[in-house]
Amino acid sequence: MNFSEYTSPRSRPSTSPATPIVFVVDDDVSIRESLELLIRSAGWQPKISASAEEFLARPRVFTPSCLLLDVNLPDINGLDLQRLIADRAELPIIFITGHGDIPMAVQAIKAGAVEFFTKPLVGDVLLSAVRHALTRSHTALRHEAQLSVLRGRYMSLSLRERQVMALVVSGRLNKQVAGELAISEITVKSHRGSMMRKMEADSLADLINIAARLRVAPEQGGLRIRDRPPLAFLCSGPRSPIGHDFA
């Protein structure tokens, strides 16, 4: 595999901590070296591993990133590694293999892989796939950052405010909320106003949309955010990923 046309020293931009990361897991040293040169030539940060275990030992990152993953690995194979990191929506996977078949490709794509390429790899095609994967990663990171903010607002609510929110988003009127909670309608209005301010909701429709995004579920005593792994990070800003070029 020759990527020399993509790896002129003058074309290699310097990287920074904010530069997108392209992880590579492949047990073939020549493939690793070629992909590292290709990734650097595109201005991204390569992080190279010879095995799934070596990759799993790396800390999780919360910058735009993707994974170029060989299917046939000496310890944990690529499809098994895909299952192990299935919760990492911010890390799209591009499979590469020298010995693939249609059932294997279908399995990988159904499990969420962005692409499935067979070796030898074509440089410009691979770069295009990586750009697409990095855009998906940026979108996932931004989405999770926004959810993190909403979770923080929800956690600032009192128990009574959560109870009021649960009933309001389920369609109850203030009078009905008062009856179910055995409090006065004036008290409901007070809790509702405080809850709306804390959640920064401008309208009932806005509040319902927020509840849907948080995937909250009504239960006795208020709302419960459905179990999902929180991400302790914040993205830099609310820029739209549409048209964003990571090259």
Protein backbone atom coordinates (compact mmCIF):
# COMPACT_ATOMS: atom_id res chain seq x y z
CA MET A 1 0.00 0.00 0.00
CA ASN A 2 1.58 3.28 -1.12
CA PHE A 3 0.24 6.56 0.27
CA SER A 4 3.29 8.65 -0.73
CA GLU A 5 1.16 11.01 -2.82
CA TYR A 6 -0.67 12.01 0.36
CA THR A 7 2.33 12.33 2.64
CA SER A 8 4.55 15.11 1.34
CA PRO A 9 6.32 16.70 4.37
CA ARG A 10 5.25 20.17 3.22
CA SER A 11 1.58 19.12 3.29
CA ARG A 12 1.56 18.01 6.91
CA PRO A 13 -0.07 20.66 9.14
CA SER A 14 0.95 20.81 12.77
CA THR A 15 -1.45 19.27 15.26
CA SER A 16 -2.82 20.62 18.53
CA PRO A 17 -4.77 19.15 21.48
CA ALA A 18 -8.02 20.12 19.70
CA THR A 19 -7.06 18.35 16.48
CA PRO A 20 -9.33 15.41 15.62
CA ILE A 21 -7.89 12.02 16.48
CA VAL A 22 -7.85 8.96 14.25
CA PHE A 23 -7.19 5.74 16.15
CA VAL A 24 -5.75 2.78 14.27
CA VAL A 25 -5.81 -0.81 15.51
CA ASP A 26 -4.01 -3.21 13.15
CA ASP A 27 -1.47 -5.97 13.80
CA ASP A 28 0.32 -5.37 10.47
CA VAL A 29 3.22 -2.99 11.09
CA SER A 30 3.36 -1.86 7.44
CA ILE A 31 -0.35 -0.96 7.48
CA ARG A 32 0.07 0.94 10.76
CA GLU A 33 3.00 2.94 9.42
CA SER A 34 1.25 3.76 6.13
CA LEU A 35 -1.96 4.82 7.88
CA GLU A 36 -0.04 6.96 10.35
CA LEU A 37 1.56 8.87 7.46
CA LEU A 38 -1.79 9.24 5.69
CA ILE A 39 -3.53 10.52 8.83
CA ARG A 40 -0.78 13.04 9.55
CA SER A 41 -0.87 14.27 5.95
CA ALA A 42 -4.56 15.13 6.42
CA GLY A 43 -3.81 17.17 9.55
CA TRP A 44 -5.27 14.75 12.09
CA GLN A 45 -3.64 13.11 15.10
CA PRO A 46 -2.88 9.41 14.62
CA LYS A 47 -2.93 7.12 17.66
CA ILE A 48 -1.69 3.70 16.67
CA SER A 49 -2.21 0.35 18.42
CA ALA A 50 -1.14 -3.15 17.42
CA SER A 51 -3.93 -4.90 19.33
CA ALA A 52 -7.38 -4.37 20.81
CA GLU A 53 -5.95 -4.70 24.32
CA GLU A 54 -3.45 -1.93 23.62
CA PHE A 55 -6.26 0.29 22.33
CA LEU A 56 -8.49 -0.42 25.34
CA ALA A 57 -5.67 0.65 27.64
CA ARG A 58 -5.82 4.15 26.16
CA PRO A 59 -7.89 6.78 28.01
CA ARG A 60 -11.23 7.69 26.48
CA VAL A 61 -11.13 11.04 24.66
CA PHE A 62 -13.89 13.57 24.10
CA THR A 63 -12.68 15.33 20.98
CA PRO A 64 -13.82 14.45 17.45
CA SER A 65 -12.32 11.04 16.70
CA CYS A 66 -12.83 7.79 14.83
CA LEU A 67 -11.34 4.31 14.77
CA LEU A 68 -9.77 2.46 11.84
CA LEU A 69 -10.13 -1.12 12.98
CA ASP A 70 -8.79 -4.34 11.49
CA VAL A 71 -11.18 -7.28 11.76
CA ASN A 72 -8.54 -9.98 12.25
CA LEU A 73 -6.54 -9.23 15.38
CA PRO A 74 -4.43 -11.59 17.51
CA ASP A 75 -6.28 -11.24 20.81
CA ILE A 76 -9.73 -9.62 20.70
CA ASN A 77 -10.93 -9.48 17.10
CA GLY A 78 -12.35 -6.31 15.59
CA LEU A 79 -16.00 -7.33 15.79
CA ASP A 80 -15.62 -8.21 19.48
CA LEU A 81 -13.90 -4.87 20.13
CA GLN A 82 -16.80 -3.13 18.39
CA ARG A 83 -19.18 -4.75 20.88
CA LEU A 84 -16.97 -3.79 23.83
CA ILE A 85 -17.05 -0.09 22.91
CA ALA A 86 -20.64 0.02 21.64
CA ASP A 87 -21.46 2.79 24.15
CA ARG A 88 -18.94 5.18 22.55
CA ALA A 89 -21.21 7.02 20.14
CA GLU A 90 -18.50 9.66 19.80
CA LEU A 91 -16.12 7.10 18.22
CA PRO A 92 -17.41 5.91 14.81
CA ILE A 93 -15.67 2.81 13.47
CA ILE A 94 -14.30 2.18 9.99
CA PHE A 95 -13.40 -1.47 9.47
CA ILE A 96 -10.45 -2.54 7.33
CA THR A 97 -9.57 -6.14 6.53
CA GLY A 98 -7.58 -8.28 4.17
CA HIS A 99 -9.87 -11.29 4.58
CA GLY A 100 -13.45 -10.06 4.77
CA ASP A 101 -16.70 -11.46 3.49
CA ILE A 102 -20.25 -10.21 3.03
CA PRO A 103 -21.70 -11.65 6.27
CA MET A 104 -18.84 -10.09 8.23
CA ALA A 105 -19.42 -6.70 6.58
CA VAL A 106 -23.17 -6.89 7.21
CA GLN A 107 -22.57 -7.71 10.88
CA ALA A 108 -20.21 -4.75 11.29
CA ILE A 109 -22.51 -2.27 9.54
CA LYS A 110 -25.58 -3.45 11.46
CA ALA A 111 -23.64 -2.88 14.68
CA GLY A 112 -23.02 0.74 13.65
CA ALA A 113 -19.80 0.79 11.63
CA VAL A 114 -19.45 3.69 9.21
CA GLU A 115 -17.64 1.74 6.47
CA PHE A 116 -16.13 -1.68 5.77
CA PHE A 117 -13.09 -1.64 3.47
CA THR A 118 -10.96 -4.48 2.16
CA LYS A 119 -7.22 -4.13 1.67
CA PRO A 120 -5.44 -2.79 -0.28
CA LEU A 121 -6.88 0.55 0.77
CA VAL A 122 -7.44 3.51 -1.55
CA GLY A 123 -6.14 6.69 0.08
CA ASP A 124 -8.67 9.27 -1.11
CA VAL A 125 -11.62 6.93 -0.46
CA LEU A 126 -10.39 6.23 3.05
CA LEU A 127 -9.82 9.93 3.76
CA SER A 128 -13.36 10.72 2.67
CA ALA A 129 -14.73 8.06 5.00
CA VAL A 130 -12.66 9.41 7.88
CA ARG A 131 -13.96 12.95 7.30
CA HIS A 132 -17.51 11.62 7.41
CA ALA A 133 -16.78 9.68 10.61
CA LEU A 134 -15.24 12.74 12.28
CA THR A 135 -18.31 14.80 11.41
CA ARG A 136 -20.48 12.12 13.03
CA SER A 137 -18.21 12.19 16.08
CA HIS A 138 -18.51 15.98 16.34
CA THR A 139 -22.30 15.70 16.17
CA ALA A 140 -22.40 13.03 18.90
CA LEU A 141 -20.11 15.05 21.17
CA ARG A 142 -22.17 18.20 20.74
CA HIS A 143 -25.39 16.29 21.41
CA GLU A 144 -24.02 14.76 24.61
CA ALA A 145 -22.67 18.13 25.77
CA GLN A 146 -26.11 19.67 25.36
CA LEU A 147 -27.67 16.76 27.27
CA SER A 148 -25.13 17.24 30.04
CA VAL A 149 -26.31 20.84 30.45
CA LEU A 150 -29.96 19.74 30.52
CA ARG A 151 -29.19 17.03 33.08
CA GLY A 152 -27.55 19.65 35.28
CA ARG A 153 -30.63 21.86 35.11
CA TYR A 154 -32.90 18.93 35.94
CA MET A 155 -30.77 17.93 38.92
CA SER A 156 -31.15 21.49 40.28
CA LEU A 157 -34.93 21.00 40.63
CA SER A 158 -36.45 20.24 44.01
CA LEU A 159 -38.44 17.04 44.49
CA ARG A 160 -41.72 18.97 44.30
CA GLU A 161 -40.61 20.73 41.11
CA ARG A 162 -39.83 17.35 39.55
CA GLN A 163 -43.27 16.09 40.54
CA VAL A 164 -44.87 19.14 38.96
CA MET A 165 -42.75 18.72 35.83
CA ALA A 166 -43.75 15.05 35.54
CA LEU A 167 -47.43 15.91 35.63
CA VAL A 168 -47.16 19.00 33.42
CA VAL A 169 -45.33 17.20 30.59
CA SER A 170 -47.90 14.38 30.79
CA GLY A 171 -50.63 16.92 29.94
CA ARG A 172 -52.11 17.81 33.33
CA LEU A 173 -53.55 21.27 33.92
CA ASN A 174 -52.54 23.25 37.01
CA LYS A 175 -55.84 22.38 38.71
CA GLN A 176 -55.28 18.66 38.02
CA VAL A 177 -51.68 18.84 39.26
CA ALA A 178 -52.91 20.48 42.46
CA GLY A 179 -55.44 17.73 42.99
CA GLU A 180 -52.95 14.90 42.43
CA LEU A 181 -50.33 16.44 44.73
CA ALA A 182 -52.85 17.66 47.33
CA ILE A 183 -51.56 21.22 47.21
CA SER A 184 -53.16 24.52 46.21
CA GLU A 185 -53.27 25.69 42.62
CA ILE A 186 -51.35 28.82 43.64
CA THR A 187 -48.56 26.60 45.00
CA VAL A 188 -48.53 24.62 41.76
CA LYS A 189 -48.15 27.84 39.78
CA SER A 190 -45.24 28.88 42.01
CA HIS A 191 -43.43 25.53 41.60
CA ARG A 192 -44.19 25.48 37.88
CA GLY A 193 -42.73 28.95 37.38
CA SER A 194 -39.60 28.07 39.33
CA MET A 195 -39.23 24.81 37.43
CA MET A 196 -39.61 26.51 34.05
CA ARG A 197 -36.95 29.08 34.97
CA LYS A 198 -34.49 26.46 36.16
CA MET A 199 -35.02 24.36 33.04
CA GLU A 200 -34.81 27.53 30.89
CA ALA A 201 -37.98 26.46 29.08
CA ASP A 202 -39.85 29.26 27.32
CA SER A 203 -43.07 27.33 26.78
CA LEU A 204 -44.83 24.05 27.52
CA ALA A 205 -43.76 22.75 24.10
CA ASP A 206 -40.18 23.64 24.94
CA LEU A 207 -40.43 21.79 28.26
CA ILE A 208 -41.91 18.71 26.59
CA ASN A 209 -39.06 18.70 24.07
CA ILE A 210 -36.52 18.96 26.89
CA ALA A 211 -38.14 16.04 28.72
CA ALA A 212 -38.03 13.99 25.51
CA ARG A 213 -34.35 14.78 24.96
CA LEU A 214 -33.52 13.79 28.51
CA ARG A 215 -35.52 10.57 28.04
CA VAL A 216 -37.15 11.17 31.41
CA ALA A 217 -39.71 8.69 32.68
CA PRO A 218 -42.52 9.46 35.14
CA GLU A 219 -42.43 7.56 38.40
CA GLN A 220 -43.79 8.01 41.89
CA GLY A 221 -42.10 11.02 43.41
CA GLY A 222 -41.18 12.81 40.22
CA LEU A 223 -39.15 12.23 37.06
CA ARG A 224 -36.30 9.81 36.63
CA ILE A 225 -33.73 10.16 33.88
CA ARG A 226 -33.49 6.80 32.15
CA ASP A 227 -30.26 4.96 32.76
CA ARG A 228 -27.58 5.98 30.32
CA PRO A 229 -23.84 6.59 30.85
CA PRO A 230 -23.19 10.29 31.57
CA LEU A 231 -20.30 11.99 29.82
CA ALA A 232 -18.38 14.36 32.05
CA PHE A 233 -17.44 16.90 29.43
CA LEU A 234 -18.64 20.03 27.67
CA CYS A 235 -18.06 20.83 24.02
CA SER A 236 -16.62 24.19 23.09
CA GLY A 237 -19.78 25.62 21.57
CA PRO A 238 -23.05 25.11 19.73
CA ARG A 239 -21.65 25.25 16.21
CA SER A 240 -23.53 23.22 13.63
CA PRO A 241 -21.53 20.26 12.30
CA ILE A 242 -23.21 20.55 8.92
CA GLY A 243 -20.59 21.50 6.37
CA HIS A 244 -17.82 21.27 8.98
CA ASP A 245 -14.60 20.09 7.34
CA PHE A 246 -12.04 18.43 9.58
CA ALA A 247 -9.43 18.25 6.86
